Amino acid sequence: MEHLNDLIKVTESIENDDLVVMLFSDLGCNVCLSIYPDLEDMSKRYPKAHFMTADVEVMKELVGKHLIFVYPTLVVFAQGRETKRFERVFSLDDLESTVNRYYQMIF
């Protein structure tokens, strides 16, 4: 899982990678920190997908650009488009099901 601190790199990855799973978080968010290892494990099961995280408190531009209002927010981008959003309370099984679905379609 890649931690990004540059808005340009975030935008380029979303636009250029076929499948991106993006965690928008705040390093002060305990839930965000607790799901990080699960996302790290998931990234190993889907090696062609690009799993990324960004601290929106550091990159405030992400809040407006991607409409991030709560933490954690996970967004799945397929071929540059937002396909599914998971906010605050969600199941990691539902997230993995979504990732698997797009992974099978794209790769």
PDB file of N, CA and C in Angstrom:
ATOM      1  N   MET A   1       0.861  -1.173   0.000  1.00  0.00           N
ATOM      2  CA  MET A   1       0.000   0.000   0.000  1.00  0.00           C
ATOM      3  C   MET A   1       0.900   1.226   0.000  1.00  0.00           C
ATOM      4  N   GLU A   2       0.614   2.115  -0.893  1.00  0.00           N
ATOM      5  CA  GLU A   2       1.459   3.291  -1.064  1.00  0.00           C
ATOM      6  C   GLU A   2       0.826   4.498  -0.371  1.00  0.00           C
ATOM      7  N   HIS A   3       1.644   5.215   0.394  1.00  0.00           N
ATOM      8  CA  HIS A   3       1.178   6.444   1.046  1.00  0.00           C
ATOM      9  C   HIS A   3       1.633   7.624   0.201  1.00  0.00           C
ATOM     10  N   LEU A   4       0.659   8.420  -0.257  1.00  0.00           N
ATOM     11  CA  LEU A   4       0.976   9.550  -1.126  1.00  0.00           C
ATOM     12  C   LEU A   4       0.797  10.874  -0.401  1.00  0.00           C
ATOM     13  N   ASN A   5       1.697  11.797  -0.683  1.00  0.00           N
ATOM     14  CA  ASN A   5       1.647  13.143  -0.106  1.00  0.00           C
ATOM     15  C   ASN A   5       1.581  14.222  -1.169  1.00  0.00           C
ATOM     16  N   ASP A   6       1.361  13.819  -2.410  1.00  0.00           N
ATOM     17  CA  ASP A   6       1.398  14.751  -3.526  1.00  0.00           C
ATOM     18  C   ASP A   6       0.110  14.624  -4.334  1.00  0.00           C
ATOM     19  N   LEU A   7      -0.624  15.717  -4.439  1.00  0.00           N
ATOM     20  CA  LEU A   7      -1.901  15.720  -5.155  1.00  0.00           C
ATOM     21  C   LEU A   7      -1.741  15.296  -6.611  1.00  0.00           C
ATOM     22  N   ILE A   8      -0.661  15.693  -7.239  1.00  0.00           N
ATOM     23  CA  ILE A   8      -0.425  15.328  -8.640  1.00  0.00           C
ATOM     24  C   ILE A   8      -0.274  13.816  -8.779  1.00  0.00           C
ATOM     25  N   LYS A   9       0.449  13.182  -7.854  1.00  0.00           N
ATOM     26  CA  LYS A   9       0.628  11.730  -7.914  1.00  0.00           C
ATOM     27  C   LYS A   9      -0.690  11.002  -7.676  1.00  0.00           C
ATOM     28  N   VAL A  10      -1.504  11.510  -6.767  1.00  0.00           N
ATOM     29  CA  VAL A  10      -2.817  10.910  -6.516  1.00  0.00           C
ATOM     30  C   VAL A  10      -3.653  10.972  -7.792  1.00  0.00           C
ATOM     31  N   THR A  11      -3.716  12.147  -8.391  1.00  0.00           N
ATOM     32  CA  THR A  11      -4.511  12.344  -9.607  1.00  0.00           C
ATOM     33  C   THR A  11      -3.989  11.477 -10.755  1.00  0.00           C
ATOM     34  N   GLU A  12      -2.677  11.427 -10.940  1.00  0.00           N
ATOM     35  CA  GLU A  12      -2.096  10.611 -12.011  1.00  0.00           C
ATOM     36  C   GLU A  12      -2.397   9.134 -11.811  1.00  0.00           C
ATOM     37  N   SER A  13      -2.306   8.649 -10.587  1.00  0.00           N
ATOM     38  CA  SER A  13      -2.591   7.240 -10.317  1.00  0.00           C
ATOM     39  C   SER A  13      -4.046   6.910 -10.612  1.00  0.00           C
ATOM     40  N   ILE A  14      -4.950   7.772 -10.169  1.00  0.00           N
ATOM     41  CA  ILE A  14      -6.377   7.541 -10.415  1.00  0.00           C
ATOM     42  C   ILE A  14      -6.661   7.529 -11.913  1.00  0.00           C
ATOM     43  N   GLU A  15      -6.056   8.445 -12.650  1.00  0.00           N
ATOM     44  CA  GLU A  15      -6.309   8.554 -14.080  1.00  0.00           C
ATOM     45  C   GLU A  15      -5.627   7.461 -14.904  1.00  0.00           C
ATOM     46  N   ASN A  16      -4.449   6.998 -14.474  1.00  0.00           N
ATOM     47  CA  ASN A  16      -3.645   6.107 -15.304  1.00  0.00           C
ATOM     48  C   ASN A  16      -3.685   4.636 -14.912  1.00  0.00           C
ATOM     49  N   ASP A  17      -3.965   4.326 -13.659  1.00  0.00           N
ATOM     50  CA  ASP A  17      -4.007   2.928 -13.232  1.00  0.00           C
ATOM     51  C   ASP A  17      -5.398   2.370 -13.479  1.00  0.00           C
ATOM     52  N   ASP A  18      -5.454   1.109 -13.889  1.00  0.00           N
ATOM     53  CA  ASP A  18      -6.745   0.499 -14.213  1.00  0.00           C
ATOM     54  C   ASP A  18      -7.653   0.337 -13.002  1.00  0.00           C
ATOM     55  N   LEU A  19      -7.074   0.005 -11.847  1.00  0.00           N
ATOM     56  CA  LEU A  19      -7.877  -0.200 -10.644  1.00  0.00           C
ATOM     57  C   LEU A  19      -7.144   0.387  -9.450  1.00  0.00           C
ATOM     58  N   VAL A  20      -7.785   1.336  -8.789  1.00  0.00           N
ATOM     59  CA  VAL A  20      -7.203   2.015  -7.636  1.00  0.00           C
ATOM     60  C   VAL A  20      -8.166   1.899  -6.463  1.00  0.00           C
ATOM     61  N   VAL A  21      -7.614   1.517  -5.313  1.00  0.00           N
ATOM     62  CA  VAL A  21      -8.366   1.527  -4.064  1.00  0.00           C
ATOM     63  C   VAL A  21      -7.699   2.583  -3.201  1.00  0.00           C
ATOM     64  N   MET A  22      -8.426   3.643  -2.922  1.00  0.00           N
ATOM     65  CA  MET A  22      -7.858   4.807  -2.252  1.00  0.00           C
ATOM     66  C   MET A  22      -8.484   4.998  -0.879  1.00  0.00           C
ATOM     67  N   LEU A  23      -7.641   5.025   0.148  1.00  0.00           N
ATOM     68  CA  LEU A  23      -8.080   5.323   1.510  1.00  0.00           C
ATOM     69  C   LEU A  23      -7.781   6.781   1.793  1.00  0.00           C
ATOM     70  N   PHE A  24      -8.839   7.559   1.955  1.00  0.00           N
ATOM     71  CA  PHE A  24      -8.710   8.952   2.379  1.00  0.00           C
ATOM     72  C   PHE A  24      -8.886   8.948   3.887  1.00  0.00           C
ATOM     73  N   SER A  25      -7.872   9.394   4.608  1.00  0.00           N
ATOM     74  CA  SER A  25      -7.928   9.280   6.059  1.00  0.00           C
ATOM     75  C   SER A  25      -7.242  10.455   6.729  1.00  0.00           C
ATOM     76  N   ASP A  26      -7.260  10.376   8.030  1.00  0.00           N
ATOM     77  CA  ASP A  26      -6.571  11.326   8.890  1.00  0.00           C
ATOM     78  C   ASP A  26      -5.741  10.467   9.834  1.00  0.00           C
ATOM     79  N   LEU A  27      -4.475  10.764   9.964  1.00  0.00           N
ATOM     80  CA  LEU A  27      -3.622   9.937  10.816  1.00  0.00           C
ATOM     81  C   LEU A  27      -4.064   9.946  12.274  1.00  0.00           C
ATOM     82  N   GLY A  28      -4.929  10.859  12.651  1.00  0.00           N
ATOM     83  CA  GLY A  28      -5.476  10.870  14.002  1.00  0.00           C
ATOM     84  C   GLY A  28      -6.718  10.010  14.153  1.00  0.00           C
ATOM     85  N   CYS A  29      -7.161   9.379  13.068  1.00  0.00           N
ATOM     86  CA  CYS A  29      -8.366   8.554  13.053  1.00  0.00           C
ATOM     87  C   CYS A  29      -7.996   7.118  13.430  1.00  0.00           C
ATOM     88  N   ASN A  30      -8.469   6.655  14.583  1.00  0.00           N
ATOM     89  CA  ASN A  30      -8.134   5.309  15.036  1.00  0.00           C
ATOM     90  C   ASN A  30      -8.710   4.228  14.135  1.00  0.00           C
ATOM     91  N   VAL A  31      -9.902   4.444  13.587  1.00  0.00           N
ATOM     92  CA  VAL A  31     -10.493   3.459  12.678  1.00  0.00           C
ATOM     93  C   VAL A  31      -9.637   3.341  11.420  1.00  0.00           C
ATOM     94  N   CYS A  32      -9.190   4.477  10.906  1.00  0.00           N
ATOM     95  CA  CYS A  32      -8.333   4.469   9.716  1.00  0.00           C
ATOM     96  C   CYS A  32      -7.067   3.649   9.972  1.00  0.00           C
ATOM     97  N   LEU A  33      -6.469   3.855  11.126  1.00  0.00           N
ATOM     98  CA  LEU A  33      -5.248   3.136  11.466  1.00  0.00           C
ATOM     99  C   LEU A  33      -5.509   1.649  11.671  1.00  0.00           C
ATOM    100  N   SER A  34      -6.680   1.301  12.191  1.00  0.00           N
ATOM    101  CA  SER A  34      -6.977  -0.109  12.465  1.00  0.00           C
ATOM    102  C   SER A  34      -7.274  -0.907  11.199  1.00  0.00           C
ATOM    103  N   ILE A  35      -7.797  -0.265  10.142  1.00  0.00           N
ATOM    104  CA  ILE A  35      -8.088  -1.015   8.911  1.00  0.00           C
ATOM    105  C   ILE A  35      -6.892  -1.070   7.965  1.00  0.00           C
ATOM    106  N   TYR A  36      -5.891  -0.272   8.239  1.00  0.00           N
ATOM    107  CA  TYR A  36      -4.712  -0.234   7.370  1.00  0.00           C
ATOM    108  C   TYR A  36      -4.087  -1.617   7.164  1.00  0.00           C
ATOM    109  N   PRO A  37      -3.859  -2.422   8.217  1.00  0.00           N
ATOM    110  CA  PRO A  37      -3.275  -3.758   7.997  1.00  0.00           C
ATOM    111  C   PRO A  37      -4.158  -4.659   7.130  1.00  0.00           C
ATOM    112  N   ASP A  38      -5.477  -4.546   7.273  1.00  0.00           N
ATOM    113  CA  ASP A  38      -6.386  -5.338   6.446  1.00  0.00           C
ATOM    114  C   ASP A  38      -6.270  -4.932   4.978  1.00  0.00           C
ATOM    115  N   LEU A  39      -6.144  -3.653   4.732  1.00  0.00           N
ATOM    116  CA  LEU A  39      -5.978  -3.172   3.357  1.00  0.00           C
ATOM    117  C   LEU A  39      -4.626  -3.599   2.788  1.00  0.00           C
ATOM    118  N   GLU A  40      -3.631  -3.609   3.637  1.00  0.00           N
ATOM    119  CA  GLU A  40      -2.303  -4.073   3.229  1.00  0.00           C
ATOM    120  C   GLU A  40      -2.376  -5.540   2.795  1.00  0.00           C
ATOM    121  N   ASP A  41      -3.083  -6.362   3.567  1.00  0.00           N
ATOM    122  CA  ASP A  41      -3.267  -7.772   3.208  1.00  0.00           C
ATOM    123  C   ASP A  41      -4.054  -7.910   1.908  1.00  0.00           C
ATOM    124  N   MET A  42      -5.099  -7.111   1.764  1.00  0.00           N
ATOM    125  CA  MET A  42      -5.923  -7.159   0.556  1.00  0.00           C
ATOM    126  C   MET A  42      -5.091  -6.790  -0.673  1.00  0.00           C
ATOM    127  N   SER A  43      -4.193  -5.837  -0.514  1.00  0.00           N
ATOM    128  CA  SER A  43      -3.362  -5.418  -1.651  1.00  0.00           C
ATOM    129  C   SER A  43      -2.482  -6.564  -2.141  1.00  0.00           C
ATOM    130  N   LYS A  44      -2.121  -7.478  -1.271  1.00  0.00           N
ATOM    131  CA  LYS A  44      -1.313  -8.636  -1.677  1.00  0.00           C
ATOM    132  C   LYS A  44      -2.151  -9.651  -2.448  1.00  0.00           C
ATOM    133  N   ARG A  45      -3.447  -9.704  -2.164  1.00  0.00           N
ATOM    134  CA  ARG A  45      -4.326 -10.634  -2.883  1.00  0.00           C
ATOM    135  C   ARG A  45      -4.688 -10.113  -4.278  1.00  0.00           C
ATOM    136  N   TYR A  46      -4.556  -8.807  -4.472  1.00  0.00           N
ATOM    137  CA  TYR A  46      -4.883  -8.178  -5.755  1.00  0.00           C
ATOM    138  C   TYR A  46      -3.681  -7.358  -6.227  1.00  0.00           C
ATOM    139  N   PRO A  47      -2.620  -8.036  -6.653  1.00  0.00           N
ATOM    140  CA  PRO A  47      -1.354  -7.335  -6.940  1.00  0.00           C
ATOM    141  C   PRO A  47      -1.397  -6.354  -8.103  1.00  0.00           C
ATOM    142  N   LYS A  48      -2.336  -6.519  -9.024  1.00  0.00           N
ATOM    143  CA  LYS A  48      -2.404  -5.589 -10.159  1.00  0.00           C
ATOM    144  C   LYS A  48      -3.187  -4.330  -9.822  1.00  0.00           C
ATOM    145  N   ALA A  49      -3.901  -4.333  -8.714  1.00  0.00           N
ATOM    146  CA  ALA A  49      -4.619  -3.140  -8.259  1.00  0.00           C
ATOM    147  C   ALA A  49      -3.642  -2.249  -7.497  1.00  0.00           C
ATOM    148  N   HIS A  50      -3.877  -0.971  -7.537  1.00  0.00           N
ATOM    149  CA  HIS A  50      -3.018  -0.011  -6.846  1.00  0.00           C
ATOM    150  C   HIS A  50      -3.745   0.459  -5.586  1.00  0.00           C
ATOM    151  N   PHE A  51      -3.261   0.042  -4.433  1.00  0.00           N
ATOM    152  CA  PHE A  51      -3.822   0.448  -3.153  1.00  0.00           C
ATOM    153  C   PHE A  51      -3.025   1.635  -2.643  1.00  0.00           C
ATOM    154  N   MET A  52      -3.729   2.720  -2.334  1.00  0.00           N
ATOM    155  CA  MET A  52      -3.064   3.952  -1.898  1.00  0.00           C
ATOM    156  C   MET A  52      -3.790   4.538  -0.700  1.00  0.00           C
ATOM    157  N   THR A  53      -3.082   5.356   0.036  1.00  0.00           N
ATOM    158  CA  THR A  53      -3.680   6.116   1.119  1.00  0.00           C
ATOM    159  C   THR A  53      -3.135   7.537   1.078  1.00  0.00           C
ATOM    160  N   ALA A  54      -3.966   8.453   1.536  1.00  0.00           N
ATOM    161  CA  ALA A  54      -3.550   9.850   1.601  1.00  0.00           C
ATOM    162  C   ALA A  54      -4.178  10.479   2.838  1.00  0.00           C
ATOM    163  N   ASP A  55      -3.402  11.277   3.528  1.00  0.00           N
ATOM    164  CA  ASP A  55      -3.868  11.991   4.712  1.00  0.00           C
ATOM    165  C   ASP A  55      -4.488  13.309   4.252  1.00  0.00           C
ATOM    166  N   VAL A  56      -5.801  13.420   4.378  1.00  0.00           N
ATOM    167  CA  VAL A  56      -6.474  14.626   3.887  1.00  0.00           C
ATOM    168  C   VAL A  56      -6.223  15.841   4.777  1.00  0.00           C
ATOM    169  N   GLU A  57      -5.722  15.621   5.974  1.00  0.00           N
ATOM    170  CA  GLU A  57      -5.346  16.761   6.810  1.00  0.00           C
ATOM    171  C   GLU A  57      -4.072  17.411   6.277  1.00  0.00           C
ATOM    172  N   VAL A  58      -3.246  16.627   5.602  1.00  0.00           N
ATOM    173  CA  VAL A  58      -2.027  17.151   4.985  1.00  0.00           C
ATOM    174  C   VAL A  58      -2.353  17.724   3.607  1.00  0.00           C
ATOM    175  N   MET A  59      -3.181  17.005   2.846  1.00  0.00           N
ATOM    176  CA  MET A  59      -3.556  17.440   1.494  1.00  0.00           C
ATOM    177  C   MET A  59      -5.027  17.843   1.491  1.00  0.00           C
ATOM    178  N   LYS A  60      -5.295  19.026   1.974  1.00  0.00           N
ATOM    179  CA  LYS A  60      -6.670  19.505   2.111  1.00  0.00           C
ATOM    180  C   LYS A  60      -7.391  19.641   0.771  1.00  0.00           C
ATOM    181  N   GLU A  61      -6.639  19.731  -0.332  1.00  0.00           N
ATOM    182  CA  GLU A  61      -7.263  19.838  -1.650  1.00  0.00           C
ATOM    183  C   GLU A  61      -8.109  18.611  -1.981  1.00  0.00           C
ATOM    184  N   LEU A  62      -7.753  17.460  -1.377  1.00  0.00           N
ATOM    185  CA  LEU A  62      -8.494  16.227  -1.641  1.00  0.00           C
ATOM    186  C   LEU A  62      -9.927  16.294  -1.130  1.00  0.00           C
ATOM    187  N   VAL A  63     -10.145  17.053  -0.065  1.00  0.00           N
ATOM    188  CA  VAL A  63     -11.483  17.167   0.517  1.00  0.00           C
ATOM    189  C   VAL A  63     -12.463  17.687  -0.526  1.00  0.00           C
ATOM    190  N   GLY A  64     -12.117  18.775  -1.179  1.00  0.00           N
ATOM    191  CA  GLY A  64     -13.000  19.355  -2.184  1.00  0.00           C
ATOM    192  C   GLY A  64     -13.029  18.570  -3.483  1.00  0.00           C
ATOM    193  N   LYS A  65     -11.872  18.096  -3.901  1.00  0.00           N
ATOM    194  CA  LYS A  65     -11.784  17.393  -5.181  1.00  0.00           C
ATOM    195  C   LYS A  65     -12.550  16.070  -5.169  1.00  0.00           C
ATOM    196  N   HIS A  66     -12.506  15.365  -4.033  1.00  0.00           N
ATOM    197  CA  HIS A  66     -13.141  14.044  -3.955  1.00  0.00           C
ATOM    198  C   HIS A  66     -14.303  13.990  -2.955  1.00  0.00           C
ATOM    199  N   LEU A  67     -14.709  15.153  -2.454  1.00  0.00           N
ATOM    200  CA  LEU A  67     -15.851  15.252  -1.535  1.00  0.00           C
ATOM    201  C   LEU A  67     -15.714  14.317  -0.337  1.00  0.00           C
ATOM    202  N   ILE A  68     -14.631  14.494   0.394  1.00  0.00           N
ATOM    203  CA  ILE A  68     -14.355  13.681   1.577  1.00  0.00           C
ATOM    204  C   ILE A  68     -14.853  14.449   2.804  1.00  0.00           C
ATOM    205  N   PHE A  69     -15.873  13.904   3.453  1.00  0.00           N
ATOM    206  CA  PHE A  69     -16.468  14.578   4.604  1.00  0.00           C
ATOM    207  C   PHE A  69     -16.340  13.795   5.895  1.00  0.00           C
ATOM    208  N   VAL A  70     -16.043  12.499   5.812  1.00  0.00           N
ATOM    209  CA  VAL A  70     -15.891  11.665   7.006  1.00  0.00           C
ATOM    210  C   VAL A  70     -14.679  10.754   6.817  1.00  0.00           C
ATOM    211  N   TYR A  71     -14.176  10.250   7.941  1.00  0.00           N
ATOM    212  CA  TYR A  71     -13.051   9.301   7.921  1.00  0.00           C
ATOM    213  C   TYR A  71     -13.507   7.994   8.524  1.00  0.00           C
ATOM    214  N   PRO A  72     -13.057   6.894   8.053  1.00  0.00           N
ATOM    215  CA  PRO A  72     -12.328   6.730   6.806  1.00  0.00           C
ATOM    216  C   PRO A  72     -13.274   6.745   5.615  1.00  0.00           C
ATOM    217  N   THR A  73     -12.757   7.149   4.480  1.00  0.00           N
ATOM    218  CA  THR A  73     -13.474   7.043   3.211  1.00  0.00           C
ATOM    219  C   THR A  73     -12.585   6.244   2.264  1.00  0.00           C
ATOM    220  N   LEU A  74     -13.133   5.169   1.752  1.00  0.00           N
ATOM    221  CA  LEU A  74     -12.443   4.335   0.770  1.00  0.00           C
ATOM    222  C   LEU A  74     -13.177   4.472  -0.551  1.00  0.00           C
ATOM    223  N   VAL A  75     -12.443   4.751  -1.604  1.00  0.00           N
ATOM    224  CA  VAL A  75     -13.043   4.898  -2.919  1.00  0.00           C
ATOM    225  C   VAL A  75     -12.344   3.942  -3.879  1.00  0.00           C
ATOM    226  N   VAL A  76     -13.151   3.220  -4.645  1.00  0.00           N
ATOM    227  CA  VAL A  76     -12.628   2.329  -5.669  1.00  0.00           C
ATOM    228  C   VAL A  76     -12.789   3.035  -7.011  1.00  0.00           C
ATOM    229  N   PHE A  77     -11.665   3.219  -7.698  1.00  0.00           N
ATOM    230  CA  PHE A  77     -11.651   3.833  -9.020  1.00  0.00           C
ATOM    231  C   PHE A  77     -11.308   2.758 -10.037  1.00  0.00           C
ATOM    232  N   ALA A  78     -12.134   2.602 -11.062  1.00  0.00           N
ATOM    233  CA  ALA A  78     -11.853   1.667 -12.146  1.00  0.00           C
ATOM    234  C   ALA A  78     -11.704   2.467 -13.426  1.00  0.00           C
ATOM    235  N   GLN A  79     -10.538   2.353 -14.022  1.00  0.00           N
ATOM    236  CA  GLN A  79     -10.207   3.046 -15.260  1.00  0.00           C
ATOM    237  C   GLN A  79     -10.526   4.543 -15.181  1.00  0.00           C
ATOM    238  N   GLY A  80     -10.121   5.154 -14.068  1.00  0.00           N
ATOM    239  CA  GLY A  80     -10.224   6.594 -13.889  1.00  0.00           C
ATOM    240  C   GLY A  80     -11.543   7.111 -13.357  1.00  0.00           C
ATOM    241  N   ARG A  81     -12.502   6.221 -13.144  1.00  0.00           N
ATOM    242  CA  ARG A  81     -13.818   6.665 -12.659  1.00  0.00           C
ATOM    243  C   ARG A  81     -14.141   6.074 -11.296  1.00  0.00           C
ATOM    244  N   GLU A  82     -14.745   6.895 -10.471  1.00  0.00           N
ATOM    245  CA  GLU A  82     -15.190   6.395  -9.176  1.00  0.00           C
ATOM    246  C   GLU A  82     -16.329   5.407  -9.408  1.00  0.00           C
ATOM    247  N   THR A  83     -16.168   4.199  -8.853  1.00  0.00           N
ATOM    248  CA  THR A  83     -17.185   3.176  -9.042  1.00  0.00           C
ATOM    249  C   THR A  83     -17.926   2.840  -7.758  1.00  0.00           C
ATOM    250  N   LYS A  84     -17.249   2.962  -6.630  1.00  0.00           N
ATOM    251  CA  LYS A  84     -17.886   2.630  -5.351  1.00  0.00           C
ATOM    252  C   LYS A  84     -17.184   3.392  -4.247  1.00  0.00           C
ATOM    253  N   ARG A  85     -17.984   3.831  -3.275  1.00  0.00           N
ATOM    254  CA  ARG A  85     -17.468   4.601  -2.137  1.00  0.00           C
ATOM    255  C   ARG A  85     -17.938   3.947  -0.852  1.00  0.00           C
ATOM    256  N   PHE A  86     -17.017   3.819   0.092  1.00  0.00           N
ATOM    257  CA  PHE A  86     -17.323   3.286   1.416  1.00  0.00           C
ATOM    258  C   PHE A  86     -16.935   4.358   2.434  1.00  0.00           C
ATOM    259  N   GLU A  87     -17.894   4.751   3.277  1.00  0.00           N
ATOM    260  CA  GLU A  87     -17.630   5.826   4.239  1.00  0.00           C
ATOM    261  C   GLU A  87     -17.978   5.391   5.653  1.00  0.00           C
ATOM    262  N   ARG A  88     -17.141   5.820   6.563  1.00  0.00           N
ATOM    263  CA  ARG A  88     -17.282   5.675   8.004  1.00  0.00           C
ATOM    264  C   ARG A  88     -17.541   4.238   8.458  1.00  0.00           C
ATOM    265  N   VAL A  89     -18.750   3.737   8.318  1.00  0.00           N
ATOM    266  CA  VAL A  89     -19.085   2.390   8.784  1.00  0.00           C
ATOM    267  C   VAL A  89     -19.353   1.518   7.558  1.00  0.00           C
ATOM    268  N   PHE A  90     -18.520   0.503   7.374  1.00  0.00           N
ATOM    269  CA  PHE A  90     -18.672  -0.384   6.232  1.00  0.00           C
ATOM    270  C   PHE A  90     -18.004  -1.712   6.558  1.00  0.00           C
ATOM    271  N   SER A  91     -18.287  -2.674   5.739  1.00  0.00           N
ATOM    272  CA  SER A  91     -17.715  -4.009   5.895  1.00  0.00           C
ATOM    273  C   SER A  91     -16.521  -4.163   4.967  1.00  0.00           C
ATOM    274  N   LEU A  92     -15.427  -4.663   5.497  1.00  0.00           N
ATOM    275  CA  LEU A  92     -14.271  -4.935   4.650  1.00  0.00           C
ATOM    276  C   LEU A  92     -14.578  -6.062   3.667  1.00  0.00           C
ATOM    277  N   ASP A  93     -15.500  -6.944   4.020  1.00  0.00           N
ATOM    278  CA  ASP A  93     -15.933  -7.988   3.084  1.00  0.00           C
ATOM    279  C   ASP A  93     -16.629  -7.367   1.873  1.00  0.00           C
ATOM    280  N   ASP A  94     -17.456  -6.340   2.118  1.00  0.00           N
ATOM    281  CA  ASP A  94     -18.117  -5.646   1.010  1.00  0.00           C
ATOM    282  C   ASP A  94     -17.085  -4.946   0.120  1.00  0.00           C
ATOM    283  N   LEU A  95     -16.090  -4.351   0.746  1.00  0.00           N
ATOM    284  CA  LEU A  95     -15.019  -3.713  -0.019  1.00  0.00           C
ATOM    285  C   LEU A  95     -14.294  -4.743  -0.871  1.00  0.00           C
ATOM    286  N   GLU A  96     -13.929  -5.856  -0.277  1.00  0.00           N
ATOM    287  CA  GLU A  96     -13.195  -6.874  -1.030  1.00  0.00           C
ATOM    288  C   GLU A  96     -14.043  -7.448  -2.160  1.00  0.00           C
ATOM    289  N   SER A  97     -15.320  -7.614  -1.920  1.00  0.00           N
ATOM    290  CA  SER A  97     -16.221  -8.095  -2.963  1.00  0.00           C
ATOM    291  C   SER A  97     -16.225  -7.136  -4.154  1.00  0.00           C
ATOM    292  N   THR A  98     -16.254  -5.849  -3.866  1.00  0.00           N
ATOM    293  CA  THR A  98     -16.227  -4.833  -4.926  1.00  0.00           C
ATOM    294  C   THR A  98     -14.897  -4.863  -5.668  1.00  0.00           C
ATOM    295  N   VAL A  99     -13.800  -4.915  -4.919  1.00  0.00           N
ATOM    296  CA  VAL A  99     -12.476  -4.958  -5.546  1.00  0.00           C
ATOM    297  C   VAL A  99     -12.359  -6.202  -6.414  1.00  0.00           C
ATOM    298  N   ASN A 100     -12.801  -7.327  -5.892  1.00  0.00           N
ATOM    299  CA  ASN A 100     -12.718  -8.584  -6.642  1.00  0.00           C
ATOM    300  C   ASN A 100     -13.535  -8.500  -7.946  1.00  0.00           C
ATOM    301  N   ARG A 101     -14.696  -7.925  -7.854  1.00  0.00           N
ATOM    302  CA  ARG A 101     -15.564  -7.800  -9.040  1.00  0.00           C
ATOM    303  C   ARG A 101     -14.871  -7.017 -10.156  1.00  0.00           C
ATOM    304  N   TYR A 102     -14.352  -5.846  -9.809  1.00  0.00           N
ATOM    305  CA  TYR A 102     -13.679  -5.030 -10.823  1.00  0.00           C
ATOM    306  C   TYR A 102     -12.356  -5.648 -11.260  1.00  0.00           C
ATOM    307  N   TYR A 103     -11.655  -6.292 -10.339  1.00  0.00           N
ATOM    308  CA  TYR A 103     -10.397  -6.940 -10.658  1.00  0.00           C
ATOM    309  C   TYR A 103     -10.616  -8.021 -11.712  1.00  0.00           C
ATOM    310  N   GLN A 104     -11.683  -8.817 -11.526  1.00  0.00           N
ATOM    311  CA  GLN A 104     -11.993  -9.882 -12.482  1.00  0.00           C
ATOM    312  C   GLN A 104     -12.387  -9.305 -13.841  1.00  0.00           C
ATOM    313  N   MET A 105     -13.089  -8.208 -13.856  1.00  0.00           N
ATOM    314  CA  MET A 105     -13.509  -7.598 -15.120  1.00  0.00           C
ATOM    315  C   MET A 105     -12.341  -6.967 -15.879  1.00  0.00           C
ATOM    316  N   ILE A 106     -11.447  -6.327 -15.145  1.00  0.00           N
ATOM    317  CA  ILE A 106     -10.368  -5.564 -15.783  1.00  0.00           C
ATOM    318  C   ILE A 106      -9.167  -6.441 -16.123  1.00  0.00           C
ATOM    319  N   PHE A 107      -8.809  -7.323 -15.192  1.00  0.00           N
ATOM    320  CA  PHE A 107      -7.600  -8.120 -15.405  1.00  0.00           C
ATOM    321  C   PHE A 107      -7.997  -9.546 -15.747  1.00  0.00           C
TER     322      PHE A 107
END
